[in-house]
């Protein structure tokens, strides 16, 4: 899709952000349910699942398959495919830009909190974390390196992959068109949907926290439940 073909609808951002009122950050519990994709899930559907289905969310929700995209991970000097950990690790993904002064820091902190718990509780090799920038012009390798240090990311355990599309056009293809996470703006200033995906080893979404980070402790609780119930 070319830039001229892509007509950006600002209402998509507001629609995605507005679903926060549905309480998307509800923690789950063991259930062994079957997702819409016909694959196994560990967490029960969120309490608002039926209402969420009616909204036709633009990003993947509970029981749906993780989209696939191959994106450079500059701090690892290689490309990472979002589905490459399927069959091996659970995953958490979010979509941010490092100069954000509002929700992005809390989205990344939610992933970092689960990473810290995974190290403390001995399940670090069960997870991969993939925050992805949609502002590659600003978020250079050096900026991402400094940002990870500032956010307290532990890179020694080798489960944190900060993804950076090569160009703004590629960022649009991946974040907006492939993952359905809407954003608009430029020059280090964006309006965007806030989404975190918790994905199991089968590549099935267990939780899509949207409108903001999960409630305090919910992300860690859901990650632990996922590991313990797998």
Protein backbone atom coordinates (compact mmCIF):
# COMPACT_ATOMS: atom_id res chain seq x y z
CA UNK A 1 0.00 0.00 0.00
CA UNK A 2 1.44 3.39 -1.01
CA UNK A 3 1.20 6.54 1.05
CA UNK A 4 -1.34 7.95 -1.40
CA UNK A 5 -3.49 4.85 -1.10
CA UNK A 6 -3.39 4.83 2.67
CA UNK A 7 -6.10 7.25 3.83
CA UNK A 8 -5.61 7.58 7.53
CA UNK A 9 -8.81 7.75 9.56
CA UNK A 10 -8.25 9.51 12.89
CA UNK A 11 -11.40 7.87 14.22
CA UNK A 12 -9.59 4.54 14.14
CA UNK A 13 -7.26 5.84 16.82
CA UNK A 14 -10.14 7.06 18.92
CA UNK A 15 -12.07 3.84 18.43
CA UNK A 16 -9.13 1.74 19.56
CA UNK A 17 -8.37 4.00 22.50
CA UNK A 18 -12.03 4.25 23.48
CA UNK A 19 -12.29 0.54 24.15
CA UNK A 20 -10.36 1.17 27.36
CA UNK A 21 -13.74 1.67 28.99
CA UNK A 22 -14.36 -2.02 28.52
CA UNK A 23 -11.72 -2.88 31.11
CA UNK A 24 -9.37 -4.67 28.76
CA UNK A 25 -6.80 -5.20 31.47
CA UNK A 26 -8.78 -7.82 33.35
CA UNK A 27 -6.60 -10.60 34.70
CA UNK A 28 -7.43 -14.15 33.70
CA UNK A 29 -7.36 -17.51 35.38
CA UNK A 30 -6.79 -21.09 34.38
CA UNK A 31 -9.39 -22.34 32.00
CA UNK A 32 -7.94 -24.36 29.13
CA UNK A 33 -10.35 -22.64 26.74
CA UNK A 34 -10.24 -22.91 22.99
CA UNK A 35 -9.58 -19.63 21.17
CA UNK A 36 -11.38 -18.43 18.05
CA UNK A 37 -8.41 -19.64 16.00
CA UNK A 38 -8.99 -23.18 17.24
CA UNK A 39 -5.81 -23.21 19.32
CA UNK A 40 -5.38 -23.76 23.03
CA UNK A 41 -5.56 -20.88 25.47
CA UNK A 42 -4.77 -20.98 29.17
CA UNK A 43 -6.50 -17.82 30.36
CA UNK A 44 -10.28 -17.70 30.43
CA UNK A 45 -11.88 -15.11 28.14
CA UNK A 46 -11.85 -11.64 29.70
CA UNK A 47 -15.08 -10.67 31.44
CA UNK A 48 -15.92 -8.25 28.63
CA UNK A 49 -15.14 -10.69 25.82
CA UNK A 50 -18.62 -10.76 24.24
CA UNK A 51 -18.76 -6.97 24.15
CA UNK A 52 -15.28 -6.79 22.67
CA UNK A 53 -16.27 -9.16 19.85
CA UNK A 54 -19.10 -6.83 18.90
CA UNK A 55 -16.74 -3.87 18.58
CA UNK A 56 -14.62 -5.52 15.85
CA UNK A 57 -11.32 -4.35 17.31
CA UNK A 58 -8.65 -3.48 14.73
CA UNK A 59 -5.89 -5.31 16.62
CA UNK A 60 -5.75 -9.06 17.44
CA UNK A 61 -7.77 -9.98 20.52
CA UNK A 62 -8.26 -13.03 22.74
CA UNK A 63 -8.06 -16.33 20.84
CA UNK A 64 -6.75 -14.79 17.62
CA UNK A 65 -3.41 -15.56 16.01
CA UNK A 66 -0.39 -13.31 16.39
CA UNK A 67 0.34 -11.49 13.10
CA UNK A 68 3.70 -12.10 11.47
CA UNK A 69 6.21 -9.44 10.55
CA UNK A 70 9.98 -9.46 10.26
CA UNK A 71 11.63 -6.40 11.82
CA UNK A 72 15.24 -5.44 12.60
CA UNK A 73 16.29 -5.68 16.25
CA UNK A 74 19.26 -3.28 16.15
CA UNK A 75 20.60 -4.10 19.60
CA UNK A 76 20.88 -7.74 18.51
CA UNK A 77 22.22 -6.96 15.03
CA UNK A 78 19.66 -9.20 13.37
CA UNK A 79 16.06 -9.35 12.24
CA UNK A 80 13.36 -10.83 14.43
CA UNK A 81 10.12 -12.32 13.14
CA UNK A 82 7.27 -11.75 15.56
CA UNK A 83 6.21 -15.39 15.23
CA UNK A 84 9.69 -16.93 15.50
CA UNK A 85 9.19 -17.81 19.17
CA UNK A 86 6.02 -19.81 18.49
CA UNK A 87 6.48 -23.32 19.84
CA UNK A 88 9.27 -22.17 22.16
CA UNK A 89 8.25 -19.12 24.19
CA UNK A 90 5.29 -17.02 25.24
CA UNK A 91 5.58 -13.38 24.18
CA UNK A 92 4.57 -9.84 25.04
CA UNK A 93 4.48 -7.06 22.46
CA UNK A 94 3.70 -3.36 22.52
CA UNK A 95 4.04 -0.41 20.14
CA UNK A 96 5.63 2.86 21.26
CA UNK A 97 8.02 5.69 20.48
CA UNK A 98 10.78 6.59 22.90
CA UNK A 99 10.24 10.37 23.03
CA UNK A 100 6.64 9.86 24.21
CA UNK A 101 5.94 11.63 27.50
CA UNK A 102 2.57 10.00 28.23
CA UNK A 103 1.55 6.35 27.99
CA UNK A 104 4.50 4.74 26.16
CA UNK A 105 6.70 4.61 29.22
CA UNK A 106 4.02 2.78 31.18
CA UNK A 107 3.48 0.32 28.32
CA UNK A 108 7.18 -0.53 28.23
CA UNK A 109 7.28 -0.63 32.02
CA UNK A 110 4.51 -3.25 31.96
CA UNK A 111 6.71 -5.49 29.82
CA UNK A 112 9.75 -4.74 31.95
CA UNK A 113 7.81 -5.63 35.10
CA UNK A 114 6.98 -9.05 33.67
CA UNK A 115 10.58 -9.46 32.55
CA UNK A 116 11.80 -8.70 36.07
CA UNK A 117 9.33 -11.20 37.53
CA UNK A 118 10.38 -13.81 34.98
CA UNK A 119 13.97 -13.46 36.15
CA UNK A 120 13.08 -13.50 39.83
CA UNK A 121 10.75 -16.49 39.48
CA UNK A 122 12.84 -18.51 37.06
CA UNK A 123 10.78 -18.39 33.87
CA UNK A 124 12.88 -15.90 31.86
CA UNK A 125 13.55 -18.51 29.17
CA UNK A 126 9.79 -18.98 28.77
CA UNK A 127 9.19 -15.44 27.45
CA UNK A 128 10.21 -13.05 24.66
CA UNK A 129 9.50 -9.32 24.89
CA UNK A 130 9.11 -7.31 21.68
CA UNK A 131 8.41 -3.59 22.05
CA UNK A 132 8.28 -1.98 18.61
CA UNK A 133 8.83 1.64 17.67
CA UNK A 134 6.71 3.34 15.02
CA UNK A 135 9.11 6.33 14.90
CA UNK A 136 12.30 4.91 13.36
CA UNK A 137 13.53 8.32 12.23
CA UNK A 138 13.89 9.46 15.85
CA UNK A 139 14.46 6.07 17.45
CA UNK A 140 17.92 5.23 16.20
CA UNK A 141 19.93 2.33 17.56
CA UNK A 142 21.72 4.67 19.97
CA UNK A 143 18.43 6.14 21.23
CA UNK A 144 16.95 2.67 21.73
CA UNK A 145 20.07 1.55 23.57
CA UNK A 146 19.88 4.51 25.97
CA UNK A 147 16.11 4.08 26.38
CA UNK A 148 16.42 0.43 27.39
CA UNK A 149 19.03 1.35 29.99
CA UNK A 150 16.84 4.16 31.30
CA UNK A 151 13.84 1.83 31.57
CA UNK A 152 15.85 -0.72 33.54
CA UNK A 153 15.63 -3.49 30.95
CA UNK A 154 17.79 -6.53 31.71
CA UNK A 155 19.51 -7.46 28.47
CA UNK A 156 21.76 -10.16 29.88
CA UNK A 157 18.92 -12.72 29.94
CA UNK A 158 18.50 -12.34 26.15
CA UNK A 159 14.70 -12.19 26.09
CA UNK A 160 14.19 -8.49 25.25
CA UNK A 161 14.09 -7.58 21.54
CA UNK A 162 13.39 -3.91 20.79
CA UNK A 163 12.19 -3.84 17.18
CA UNK A 164 12.78 -0.95 14.79
CA UNK A 165 11.29 -0.91 11.27
CA UNK A 166 13.71 0.43 8.67
CA UNK A 167 11.55 3.37 7.51
CA UNK A 168 8.39 5.26 8.49
CA UNK A 169 6.62 3.55 5.60
CA UNK A 170 7.63 0.12 6.88
CA UNK A 171 6.57 1.13 10.40
CA UNK A 172 3.12 1.99 9.02
CA UNK A 173 2.89 -1.39 7.29
CA UNK A 174 3.82 -3.30 10.43
CA UNK A 175 2.26 -1.39 13.32
CA UNK A 176 -0.89 0.02 11.73
CA UNK A 177 -1.68 -2.27 8.83
CA UNK A 178 -0.43 -5.63 10.14
CA UNK A 179 -1.08 -5.29 13.89
CA UNK A 180 -3.96 -2.82 13.72
CA UNK A 181 -2.43 -0.40 16.20
CA UNK A 182 -3.39 3.01 14.87
CA UNK A 183 -1.26 6.13 15.16
CA UNK A 184 -0.88 9.52 13.52
CA UNK A 185 1.60 12.35 13.74
CA UNK A 186 5.31 12.71 13.16
CA UNK A 187 8.44 14.47 14.24
CA UNK A 188 8.45 12.81 17.61
CA UNK A 189 4.82 13.69 18.41
CA UNK A 190 2.08 11.11 17.93
CA UNK A 191 -1.46 10.27 18.88
CA UNK A 192 -1.76 6.51 19.07
CA UNK A 193 -3.64 3.52 20.40
CA UNK A 194 -2.13 1.90 23.49
CA UNK A 195 -1.96 -1.89 23.12
CA UNK A 196 -0.06 -4.71 24.81
CA UNK A 197 -0.41 -8.27 23.50
CA UNK A 198 0.20 -11.32 25.69
CA UNK A 199 0.67 -14.32 23.40
CA UNK A 200 1.07 -18.00 24.25
CA UNK A 201 3.54 -20.50 22.80
CA UNK A 202 1.04 -21.52 20.14
CA UNK A 203 1.03 -17.95 18.84
CA UNK A 204 -2.49 -17.29 20.16
CA UNK A 205 -3.36 -14.03 21.88
CA UNK A 206 -4.28 -14.60 25.53
CA UNK A 207 -4.78 -10.94 26.38
CA UNK A 208 -4.94 -7.66 24.45
CA UNK A 209 -4.62 -4.91 27.04
CA UNK A 210 -5.72 -1.70 25.34
CA UNK A 211 -6.35 1.90 26.23
CA UNK A 212 -3.40 1.76 28.62
CA UNK A 213 -1.25 -0.74 30.49
CA UNK A 214 -2.84 -3.58 32.47
CA UNK A 215 -3.92 -2.80 36.00
CA UNK A 216 -1.15 -3.04 38.55
CA UNK A 217 -0.07 -6.65 38.87
CA UNK A 218 -2.45 -7.97 36.22
CA UNK A 219 0.20 -8.44 33.56
CA UNK A 220 2.48 -10.31 35.95
CA UNK A 221 -0.42 -12.40 37.27
CA UNK A 222 -1.51 -13.33 33.74
CA UNK A 223 2.06 -14.17 32.69
CA UNK A 224 2.53 -16.41 35.72
CA UNK A 225 -0.80 -18.12 35.11
CA UNK A 226 0.14 -18.68 31.49
CA UNK A 227 3.47 -20.29 32.41
CA UNK A 228 2.01 -22.39 35.21
CA UNK A 229 -0.93 -23.57 33.11
CA UNK A 230 0.98 -24.44 29.95
